[in-house]
Amino acid sequence: MYIHLGEAVENPPLGSSHWFGYPDLPPDMEIPQIEEDGEPYALTLVCQINLSDLPLPTAGKGLLLFFADISYYCGNWGEASIGSHISDNRVCRVVYVPEDRLGELENCRKFFFEQDEAKAIRLTFNYEKPNFDEPELQLFGQTGHLEWEDWPSPCEGWQLLLMMDSMSGADYSYNFIDWGVLCFLIEREALERKDFSNVRTIILST
């Protein structure tokens, strides 16, 4: 299934599907963080997806939020923690908010500094591959960017969960190792259980 970008908005509706922007979480769910030199900082919100927006009867309901340590790829200094090898599960996180907790959502904008201002981009979903001049954003399925028969160890037999293409816009630019793609991976059985505690990432680039 492909994800298509729409217009940029400053304040999307609570719990709506959008790329970038600020996460919506219940008060007792923390924004995923990572430490560098003993200092914690928030992982970048890649996107949040309201499962009721998907044209897929088996998707169920709830909210999926994808986070990753990708600030290096938008030009920030430091070392890249995600590269062309399978990452650990500290540098990427997927948070699932079940349907019965959507009424508790709060926007997390207040936890970010003003210089971290990030506009959200509305999303639509269908099975039509994006045009050549659009970023290839994908949910589930298989990617044509994998040059081997299977994902590298320890993720053999795993499922593609989300793919983010290198992309740029008016106020952002992400270049994944010579315009590659960032892939979130999950064990198939874990996806069936809605257990997102061990998601991994890898960048594919030719």
Protein backbone atom coordinates (compact mmCIF):
# COMPACT_ATOMS: atom_id res chain seq x y z
CA MET A 1 0.00 0.00 0.00
CA TYR A 2 1.34 3.41 -0.95
CA ILE A 3 1.21 6.61 1.07
CA HIS A 4 0.65 9.90 -0.73
CA LEU A 5 1.54 13.31 0.66
CA GLY A 6 -1.04 16.08 0.65
CA GLU A 7 -0.95 19.66 1.89
CA ALA A 8 1.15 20.87 4.82
CA VAL A 9 -0.82 21.93 7.90
CA GLU A 10 0.26 23.49 11.19
CA ASN A 11 -2.42 21.99 13.43
CA PRO A 12 -3.81 18.71 12.04
CA PRO A 13 -6.81 17.18 13.84
CA LEU A 14 -5.94 15.15 16.92
CA GLY A 15 -5.29 11.52 16.00
CA SER A 16 -5.19 12.18 12.26
CA SER A 17 -2.79 10.59 9.80
CA HIS A 18 0.16 12.82 8.93
CA TRP A 19 3.84 12.79 7.98
CA PHE A 20 6.20 14.71 10.32
CA GLY A 21 4.62 17.22 12.70
CA TYR A 22 4.09 16.42 16.38
CA PRO A 23 2.92 13.11 17.86
CA ASP A 24 -0.44 12.60 19.55
CA LEU A 25 -0.17 10.34 22.60
CA PRO A 26 -2.08 9.57 25.82
CA PRO A 27 -0.50 11.35 28.83
CA ASP A 28 1.05 8.15 30.21
CA MET A 29 2.83 7.27 26.93
CA GLU A 30 6.20 8.98 26.58
CA ILE A 31 7.79 10.29 23.39
CA PRO A 32 10.52 7.76 22.53
CA GLN A 33 14.00 9.07 23.30
CA ILE A 34 17.62 8.09 22.83
CA GLU A 35 20.74 9.21 24.67
CA GLU A 36 23.86 10.72 23.14
CA ASP A 37 26.78 11.55 25.42
CA GLY A 38 24.47 11.09 28.39
CA GLU A 39 21.90 13.60 27.09
CA PRO A 40 18.42 12.36 26.10
CA TYR A 41 16.67 13.70 23.01
CA ALA A 42 13.44 12.77 21.25
CA LEU A 43 13.44 10.54 18.21
CA THR A 44 12.04 12.17 15.07
CA LEU A 45 8.37 11.51 14.36
CA VAL A 46 8.39 10.09 10.85
CA CYS A 47 4.62 9.74 10.65
CA GLN A 48 1.51 8.75 12.53
CA ILE A 49 -1.17 6.68 10.86
CA ASN A 50 -4.78 6.31 11.94
CA LEU A 51 -5.59 2.75 10.94
CA SER A 52 -9.21 3.63 10.16
CA ASP A 53 -7.90 5.66 7.19
CA LEU A 54 -6.49 2.56 5.48
CA PRO A 55 -8.47 0.89 2.64
CA LEU A 56 -7.75 -2.44 4.31
CA PRO A 57 -10.52 -4.28 6.24
CA THR A 58 -8.02 -6.22 8.36
CA ALA A 59 -6.13 -3.13 9.54
CA GLY A 60 -8.38 -2.65 12.56
CA LYS A 61 -8.48 0.65 14.41
CA GLY A 62 -6.04 2.63 16.49
CA LEU A 63 -3.03 4.85 15.89
CA LEU A 64 0.48 3.83 14.79
CA LEU A 65 3.32 6.29 15.37
CA PHE A 66 6.73 5.76 13.75
CA PHE A 67 9.85 7.32 15.31
CA ALA A 68 13.50 7.08 14.23
CA ASP A 69 16.86 8.71 14.89
CA ILE A 70 17.21 10.28 11.44
CA SER A 71 18.27 13.85 12.23
CA TYR A 72 21.72 13.09 10.77
CA TYR A 73 20.13 12.65 7.34
CA CYS A 74 18.56 16.09 7.34
CA GLY A 75 21.91 17.78 7.79
CA ASN A 76 22.36 17.81 11.57
CA TRP A 77 25.83 17.16 12.97
CA GLY A 78 26.68 13.95 14.77
CA GLU A 79 27.01 10.32 13.78
CA ALA A 80 24.40 8.34 11.87
CA SER A 81 22.84 5.67 14.10
CA ILE A 82 20.89 4.04 11.24
CA GLY A 83 22.74 2.86 8.15
CA SER A 84 23.04 0.03 5.64
CA HIS A 85 23.03 -2.64 8.35
CA ILE A 86 20.15 -3.74 10.56
CA SER A 87 19.82 -1.29 13.45
CA ASP A 88 19.14 -2.11 17.07
CA ASN A 89 15.73 -1.33 18.52
CA ARG A 90 16.84 1.77 20.43
CA VAL A 91 17.11 4.03 17.40
CA CYS A 92 13.63 3.31 16.03
CA ARG A 93 10.34 2.88 17.80
CA VAL A 94 6.78 2.21 16.76
CA VAL A 95 4.09 3.11 19.28
CA TYR A 96 0.61 1.62 19.01
CA VAL A 97 -2.33 3.40 20.62
CA PRO A 98 -5.35 1.05 20.62
CA GLU A 99 -8.81 2.23 19.63
CA ASP A 100 -10.13 2.34 23.19
CA ARG A 101 -7.46 4.91 24.13
CA LEU A 102 -7.87 7.34 21.23
CA GLY A 103 -10.10 9.53 23.41
CA GLU A 104 -7.10 10.17 25.70
CA LEU A 105 -4.85 11.63 22.99
CA GLU A 106 -3.02 14.87 23.61
CA ASN A 107 -0.81 16.73 21.16
CA CYS A 108 2.84 16.68 22.30
CA ARG A 109 3.83 20.01 20.71
CA LYS A 110 4.40 21.58 24.14
CA PHE A 111 7.34 19.25 24.78
CA PHE A 112 9.37 20.60 21.84
CA PHE A 113 11.41 23.80 21.58
CA GLU A 114 10.22 26.53 19.24
CA GLN A 115 13.18 25.88 16.94
CA ASP A 116 11.89 22.33 16.46
CA GLU A 117 8.81 23.72 14.68
CA ALA A 118 7.62 21.02 12.30
CA LYS A 119 4.64 21.21 9.96
CA ALA A 120 2.61 18.08 9.40
CA ILE A 121 1.72 16.79 5.93
CA ARG A 122 -1.68 15.22 5.35
CA LEU A 123 -1.75 11.64 4.06
CA THR A 124 -3.91 9.50 1.80
CA PHE A 125 -3.55 5.77 1.15
CA ASN A 126 -4.16 3.59 -1.92
CA TYR A 127 -2.50 0.94 -4.10
CA GLU A 128 -1.35 3.30 -6.85
CA LYS A 129 2.42 3.70 -7.07
CA PRO A 130 3.48 7.36 -6.81
CA ASN A 131 4.64 9.24 -9.89
CA PHE A 132 8.35 9.25 -10.60
CA ASP A 133 8.77 12.77 -9.19
CA GLU A 134 7.03 11.89 -5.88
CA PRO A 135 8.64 10.18 -2.87
CA GLU A 136 7.90 6.46 -2.68
CA LEU A 137 6.30 5.96 0.73
CA GLN A 138 4.97 2.50 1.48
CA LEU A 139 3.09 0.70 4.24
CA PHE A 140 3.34 -3.12 4.42
CA GLY A 141 3.92 -5.18 1.25
CA GLN A 142 7.37 -5.66 -0.25
CA THR A 143 10.00 -3.23 -1.44
CA GLY A 144 11.68 -3.34 -4.81
CA HIS A 145 14.83 -1.84 -3.28
CA LEU A 146 16.02 -5.03 -1.55
CA GLU A 147 18.81 -6.58 -3.61
CA TRP A 148 18.77 -9.91 -1.77
CA GLU A 149 16.16 -12.62 -1.32
CA ASP A 150 15.70 -11.87 2.36
CA TRP A 151 16.41 -9.23 4.99
CA PRO A 152 19.84 -9.48 6.67
CA SER A 153 20.33 -11.19 10.05
CA PRO A 154 18.69 -11.12 12.53
CA CYS A 155 15.59 -10.21 10.50
CA GLU A 156 15.31 -13.12 8.06
CA GLY A 157 11.67 -13.67 7.13
CA TRP A 158 10.53 -10.39 8.63
CA GLN A 159 7.86 -8.05 7.22
CA LEU A 160 8.28 -4.57 5.75
CA LEU A 161 6.28 -2.29 8.01
CA LEU A 162 7.02 1.16 6.58
CA MET A 163 9.32 2.56 3.89
CA MET A 164 10.38 6.21 3.74
CA ASP A 165 12.03 7.49 0.59
CA SER A 166 14.62 10.25 0.56
CA MET A 167 12.52 13.38 0.21
CA SER A 168 12.59 17.15 0.36
CA GLY A 169 10.15 20.01 0.63
CA ALA A 170 9.94 23.69 1.48
CA ASP A 171 11.37 23.27 5.00
CA TYR A 172 12.88 19.76 5.09
CA SER A 173 15.30 17.54 3.20
CA TYR A 174 16.22 13.92 4.02
CA ASN A 175 18.88 12.11 2.01
CA PHE A 176 19.39 8.48 3.05
CA ILE A 177 22.84 7.49 1.78
CA ASP A 178 22.72 8.74 -1.81
CA TRP A 179 18.92 9.01 -2.06
CA GLY A 180 18.11 5.59 -0.62
CA VAL A 181 15.10 4.43 1.41
CA LEU A 182 14.62 3.91 5.15
CA CYS A 183 12.79 0.67 5.99
CA PHE A 184 11.08 -0.29 9.25
CA LEU A 185 10.97 -4.07 9.74
CA ILE A 186 8.94 -6.29 12.06
CA GLU A 187 8.65 -10.00 12.72
CA ARG A 188 5.46 -11.32 11.07
CA GLU A 189 4.13 -12.98 14.22
CA ALA A 190 4.76 -9.82 16.22
CA LEU A 191 2.77 -7.77 13.70
CA GLU A 192 -0.17 -10.18 14.07
CA ARG A 193 -0.02 -9.68 17.86
CA LYS A 194 0.35 -5.90 17.45
CA ASP A 195 3.61 -6.17 19.38
CA PHE A 196 5.87 -3.34 18.17
CA SER A 197 8.55 -3.64 20.88
CA ASN A 198 11.29 -4.98 18.60
CA VAL A 199 11.04 -3.04 15.33
CA ARG A 200 14.34 -2.58 13.44
CA THR A 201 15.44 -0.28 10.61
CA ILE A 202 17.83 -0.40 7.67
CA ILE A 203 18.69 1.94 4.79
CA LEU A 204 18.73 0.46 1.28
CA SER A 205 20.63 2.40 -1.34
CA THR A 206 22.09 1.45 -4.71
